[in-house]
Protein backbone atom coordinates (compact mmCIF):
# COMPACT_ATOMS: atom_id res chain seq x y z
CA MET A 1 88.45 116.99 118.71
CA SER A 2 91.52 115.62 116.94
CA GLN A 3 91.21 112.45 114.94
CA LYS A 4 94.01 109.88 115.29
CA SER A 5 95.46 109.02 111.87
CA GLU A 6 95.59 105.40 110.82
CA ARG A 7 99.09 103.92 111.08
CA LEU A 8 100.37 101.38 108.57
CA SER A 9 103.53 99.30 108.24
CA ALA A 10 105.45 99.23 104.94
CA TYR A 11 106.96 95.88 103.94
CA SER A 12 109.24 94.70 101.15
CA ILE A 13 108.39 91.13 100.17
CA THR A 14 111.03 88.91 98.57
CA GLU A 15 109.81 85.77 96.79
CA HIS A 16 112.00 82.66 97.11
CA GLU A 17 112.01 79.18 95.60
CA ARG A 18 109.25 76.72 96.50
CA GLY A 19 106.71 79.50 97.01
CA ARG A 20 108.29 80.90 100.16
CA SER A 21 108.61 84.62 100.82
CA THR A 22 110.34 86.90 103.30
CA TRP A 23 108.65 90.03 104.66
CA LEU A 24 110.95 92.84 105.81
CA LYS A 25 109.49 95.92 107.51
CA VAL A 26 111.06 98.92 105.76
CA GLY A 27 108.97 101.78 107.09
CA THR A 28 105.76 103.29 108.43
CA ALA A 29 102.89 105.10 106.74
CA PHE A 30 100.10 107.39 107.94
CA VAL A 31 96.71 107.99 106.32
CA ASN A 32 95.86 111.69 106.30
CA ARG A 33 92.40 113.21 106.83
CA ASP A 34 91.99 113.71 103.08
CA GLY A 35 92.78 110.04 102.37
CA SER A 36 96.31 110.64 101.09
CA ILE A 37 99.17 108.61 102.57
CA ASN A 38 102.59 109.71 103.85
CA ILE A 39 105.21 106.94 103.76
CA TYR A 40 108.43 107.12 105.78
CA LEU A 41 110.99 104.55 104.61
CA GLU A 42 114.09 103.36 106.46
CA ALA A 43 115.18 101.24 103.48
CA LEU A 44 114.32 101.03 99.79
CA PRO A 45 112.99 97.75 98.36
CA LEU A 46 115.08 96.47 95.46
CA SER A 47 111.93 95.34 93.66
CA GLY A 48 110.40 98.82 93.88
CA LYS A 49 107.25 97.31 95.44
CA LEU A 50 105.80 97.99 98.89
CA GLN A 51 103.03 96.23 100.80
CA LEU A 52 101.14 98.50 103.23
CA ARG A 53 99.37 96.75 106.11
CA LYS A 54 97.49 98.00 109.16
CA GLU A 55 99.81 97.80 112.15
CA ASP A 56 99.06 95.06 114.64
CA PRO A 57 100.03 96.04 118.21
CA LYS A 58 100.93 92.39 118.92
CA ASP A 59 103.54 92.46 116.12
CA GLU A 60 105.13 95.63 117.51
CA GLU A 61 105.40 94.08 121.00
CA SER A 62 107.08 90.93 119.68
CA ALA A 63 109.54 92.98 117.58
CA ALA A 64 110.62 95.17 120.53
CA PRO A 65 113.70 94.03 122.44
CA ALA A 66 113.12 92.71 125.93
CA PRO A 67 113.92 95.13 128.77
CA GLY A 68 117.58 94.84 129.70
CA ALA A 69 118.48 93.03 126.44
CA ALA A 70 121.67 94.08 124.68
CA ALA A 71 121.01 96.16 121.57
């Protein structure tokens, strides 16, 4: 029986004035059976910091372009 690895999203968080922040998804990560984590980045955060969060299927649906939408 194969165990599905946990999937995480990698975010770069930029702090702005007045306590506001912007979260930019920069990659995906997978938790291995031994507890180690592989991170696949599409961009590098300028701050050098990453926030790893469990992926929420609702977030992935809202980020996907609508069928027939121009790319």
